[in-house]
N, C-alpha and C. Protein backbone atom coordinates (compact mmCIF):
# COMPACT_ATOMS: atom_id res chain seq x y z
N MET A 1 11.90 -11.39 -22.35
CA MET A 1 12.38 -10.84 -21.24
C MET A 1 11.17 -10.29 -20.46
N LYS A 2 11.05 -10.64 -19.18
CA LYS A 2 10.04 -10.23 -18.45
C LYS A 2 10.16 -8.91 -18.01
N LYS A 3 9.01 -7.93 -17.83
CA LYS A 3 9.03 -6.50 -17.70
C LYS A 3 9.05 -6.59 -15.90
N THR A 4 9.88 -5.77 -15.21
CA THR A 4 10.05 -5.79 -13.83
C THR A 4 8.76 -4.49 -13.65
N THR A 5 8.16 -4.67 -12.52
CA THR A 5 7.15 -3.56 -12.21
C THR A 5 7.42 -3.40 -10.67
N GLN A 6 7.07 -2.28 -10.19
CA GLN A 6 7.17 -1.77 -8.92
C GLN A 6 5.63 -0.89 -8.60
N HIS A 7 5.19 -1.42 -7.37
CA HIS A 7 3.86 -0.91 -6.97
C HIS A 7 3.89 -0.20 -5.68
N VAL A 8 3.35 0.97 -5.60
CA VAL A 8 3.12 1.80 -4.20
C VAL A 8 1.60 1.20 -3.74
N VAL A 9 1.70 0.74 -2.56
CA VAL A 9 0.43 0.11 -2.07
C VAL A 9 0.24 0.45 -0.59
N ARG A 10 -1.17 0.36 -0.24
CA ARG A 10 -1.37 0.60 1.25
C ARG A 10 -0.74 -0.54 2.01
N HIS A 11 -0.42 -0.27 3.30
CA HIS A 11 0.36 -1.25 4.28
C HIS A 11 -0.32 -0.79 5.67
N PRO A 12 -0.39 -2.01 6.60
CA PRO A 12 -0.89 -1.41 7.91
C PRO A 12 -0.12 -0.49 8.68
N GLU A 13 1.15 -0.34 8.26
CA GLU A 13 2.09 0.77 8.93
C GLU A 13 2.12 2.04 8.03
N GLY A 14 1.41 1.97 6.96
CA GLY A 14 1.24 3.39 6.17
C GLY A 14 1.34 2.88 4.68
N TRP A 15 2.25 3.13 3.94
CA TRP A 15 2.41 2.69 2.50
C TRP A 15 3.73 2.02 2.24
N ALA A 16 3.63 1.04 1.00
CA ALA A 16 4.70 0.38 0.92
C ALA A 16 5.02 0.24 -0.49
N LEU A 17 6.44 -0.10 -0.92
CA LEU A 17 6.94 -0.34 -2.17
C LEU A 17 7.09 -1.82 -2.40
N LYS A 18 6.24 -2.52 -3.11
CA LYS A 18 6.50 -3.77 -3.54
C LYS A 18 6.78 -4.20 -5.04
N ARG A 19 7.69 -4.98 -5.23
CA ARG A 19 8.23 -5.63 -6.38
C ARG A 19 6.79 -6.20 -6.91
N GLY A 20 6.46 -6.24 -8.24
CA GLY A 20 5.36 -6.99 -8.74
C GLY A 20 5.65 -8.66 -8.67
N GLY A 21 4.60 -9.29 -8.15
CA GLY A 21 4.77 -10.71 -7.98
C GLY A 21 4.99 -11.00 -6.47
N SER A 22 5.30 -10.10 -5.80
CA SER A 22 6.15 -10.21 -4.41
C SER A 22 4.88 -9.95 -3.37
N SER A 23 5.05 -10.90 -2.32
CA SER A 23 4.09 -10.67 -1.15
C SER A 23 4.66 -9.85 0.13
N ARG A 24 5.96 -9.62 -0.27
CA ARG A 24 6.59 -8.86 0.80
C ARG A 24 6.97 -7.45 0.20
N ALA A 25 6.90 -6.49 1.35
CA ALA A 25 7.19 -5.18 0.92
C ALA A 25 8.77 -4.99 0.77
N THR A 26 9.04 -4.08 -0.20
CA THR A 26 10.68 -3.81 -0.37
C THR A 26 10.87 -2.80 0.66
N LYS A 27 9.97 -1.84 1.07
CA LYS A 27 10.47 -1.06 2.06
C LYS A 27 9.01 -0.40 2.32
N VAL A 28 8.90 -0.02 3.82
CA VAL A 28 7.58 0.70 4.27
C VAL A 28 7.90 2.21 4.61
N PHE A 29 7.00 3.02 4.29
CA PHE A 29 6.86 4.40 4.64
C PHE A 29 5.78 4.86 5.42
N PRO A 30 5.95 5.93 6.11
CA PRO A 30 4.79 6.66 6.75
C PRO A 30 3.77 7.36 6.01
N THR A 31 4.29 7.86 4.62
CA THR A 31 3.18 8.65 3.82
C THR A 31 3.46 7.91 2.34
N GLN A 32 2.45 8.29 1.68
CA GLN A 32 2.16 7.72 0.31
C GLN A 32 3.39 8.68 -0.59
N GLY A 33 3.59 10.05 -0.17
CA GLY A 33 4.46 10.90 -1.08
C GLY A 33 5.80 10.31 -0.89
N ALA A 34 6.37 9.69 0.49
CA ALA A 34 7.61 9.33 0.65
C ALA A 34 7.74 7.98 -0.28
N ALA A 35 6.82 7.22 -0.18
CA ALA A 35 6.77 5.96 -1.00
C ALA A 35 6.93 6.07 -2.43
N ILE A 36 6.20 7.05 -2.95
CA ILE A 36 6.21 7.44 -4.52
C ILE A 36 7.77 7.96 -4.95
N GLU A 37 8.16 8.93 -4.00
CA GLU A 37 9.54 9.38 -4.22
C GLU A 37 10.58 8.20 -4.45
N TYR A 38 10.77 7.43 -3.50
CA TYR A 38 11.37 6.13 -3.25
C TYR A 38 11.25 5.26 -4.53
N GLY A 39 9.98 5.00 -4.64
CA GLY A 39 9.53 4.11 -5.92
C GLY A 39 10.03 4.50 -7.06
N ARG A 40 9.87 5.77 -7.56
CA ARG A 40 10.23 6.41 -8.81
C ARG A 40 11.79 6.15 -9.13
N ASP A 41 12.60 6.30 -7.95
CA ASP A 41 14.01 6.22 -8.19
C ASP A 41 14.51 5.03 -8.34
N VAL A 42 13.71 4.16 -7.63
CA VAL A 42 14.03 2.43 -7.84
C VAL A 42 13.69 2.02 -9.37
N SER A 43 12.47 2.78 -9.69
CA SER A 43 11.91 2.29 -11.08
C SER A 43 12.77 2.79 -12.16
N ARG A 44 13.45 3.96 -12.03
CA ARG A 44 14.27 4.62 -12.90
C ARG A 44 15.55 3.80 -13.10
N ASN A 45 16.12 3.44 -11.90
CA ASN A 45 17.28 2.60 -11.85
C ASN A 45 17.07 1.28 -12.53
N GLN A 46 16.09 0.64 -12.38
CA GLN A 46 15.66 -0.83 -12.77
C GLN A 46 15.01 -0.76 -14.40
N GLY A 47 14.61 0.57 -14.74
CA GLY A 47 13.99 0.45 -16.12
C GLY A 47 12.61 -0.19 -16.07
N ALA A 48 12.04 0.03 -14.92
CA ALA A 48 10.59 -0.69 -14.65
C ALA A 48 9.58 0.19 -14.93
N GLU A 49 8.33 -0.67 -14.92
CA GLU A 49 6.91 0.09 -14.83
C GLU A 49 6.86 0.41 -13.41
N PHE A 50 6.09 1.48 -13.15
CA PHE A 50 5.81 2.06 -11.78
C PHE A 50 4.39 2.45 -11.52
N PHE A 51 3.71 1.67 -10.68
CA PHE A 51 2.23 1.87 -10.63
C PHE A 51 1.98 2.46 -9.10
N ILE A 52 1.04 3.36 -9.08
CA ILE A 52 0.74 4.05 -7.76
C ILE A 52 -0.67 3.70 -7.48
N HIS A 53 -1.02 2.96 -6.29
CA HIS A 53 -2.43 2.52 -6.32
C HIS A 53 -2.93 3.55 -5.13
N GLY A 54 -4.29 3.85 -5.30
CA GLY A 54 -4.87 4.69 -4.41
C GLY A 54 -5.20 3.91 -2.97
N ARG A 55 -6.03 4.67 -2.10
CA ARG A 55 -6.38 3.94 -0.87
C ARG A 55 -7.43 2.77 -1.13
N ASN A 56 -7.93 2.99 -2.08
CA ASN A 56 -9.03 1.78 -2.46
C ASN A 56 -8.45 0.59 -3.23
N GLY A 57 -6.83 0.85 -3.61
CA GLY A 57 -6.47 -0.24 -4.19
C GLY A 57 -6.25 -0.18 -5.63
N GLN A 58 -6.96 0.74 -6.28
CA GLN A 58 -7.19 0.73 -7.85
C GLN A 58 -5.79 1.71 -8.16
N ILE A 59 -5.22 1.18 -9.33
CA ILE A 59 -4.32 2.18 -9.96
C ILE A 59 -4.71 3.44 -10.26
N ARG A 60 -3.97 4.27 -9.79
CA ARG A 60 -4.39 5.88 -9.95
C ARG A 60 -3.48 6.55 -10.98
N GLU A 61 -2.32 5.90 -11.24
CA GLU A 61 -1.18 6.69 -12.05
C GLU A 61 -0.17 5.46 -12.27
N ARG A 62 0.18 5.71 -13.52
CA ARG A 62 1.17 4.63 -14.23
C ARG A 62 2.37 5.16 -14.88
N ASN A 63 3.44 4.80 -14.62
CA ASN A 63 4.67 5.41 -15.36
C ASN A 63 5.53 4.30 -15.93
N SER A 64 6.09 4.42 -17.23
CA SER A 64 7.18 3.58 -17.44
C SER A 64 8.46 4.35 -17.62
N TYR A 65 9.49 3.65 -16.99
CA TYR A 65 10.81 3.98 -16.95
C TYR A 65 11.73 2.92 -17.72
N GLY A 66 11.09 2.17 -18.57
CA GLY A 66 11.87 1.31 -19.28
C GLY A 66 11.98 1.65 -20.87
N ASN A 67 12.36 0.79 -21.63
CA ASN A 67 12.57 0.99 -23.09
C ASN A 67 11.31 0.87 -23.58
N ASP A 68 10.61 1.79 -24.12
CA ASP A 68 9.27 1.72 -24.59
C ASP A 68 9.42 2.08 -26.21
N PRO A 69 8.78 1.00 -26.87
CA PRO A 69 8.90 1.28 -28.34
C PRO A 69 7.94 2.34 -28.79
N TYR A 70 8.53 3.14 -29.75
CA TYR A 70 7.84 4.37 -30.31
C TYR A 70 7.78 4.15 -31.88
N PRO A 71 6.64 4.18 -32.39
CA PRO A 71 5.21 4.57 -31.92
C PRO A 71 4.71 3.20 -31.28
N PRO A 72 3.92 3.35 -30.32
CA PRO A 72 3.36 2.17 -29.56
C PRO A 72 2.55 1.27 -30.43
N ARG A 73 2.50 0.04 -30.13
CA ARG A 73 1.83 -0.91 -30.92
C ARG A 73 0.25 -0.51 -30.74
N GLY A 74 -0.40 -0.93 -31.68
CA GLY A 74 -1.86 -0.52 -31.50
C GLY A 74 -2.95 -1.01 -31.66
C-alpha cells in the first residue's frame, strides 16, 4: 500500500498544500502558518506523512500521522 503524503510549499500567491506527486495545489493560503494548520488536519484525517518546506524548498519539518511501526526498522 502506497503511503499518502501532503506538502506545504511556496506558491506564487503565498503558500500551498499539495498532495505528493501532484502538480496542482489542493488549496492556496496567504501565510505558511495557515497552510500548516490546514495541512495537519488533512494529514491526520488521511493518516498521511506531512512535510513542511521552507522558503528555499528544503524540508524543514516532517510529521507522520499514519500507522508507524514501533520499534522502527533500522
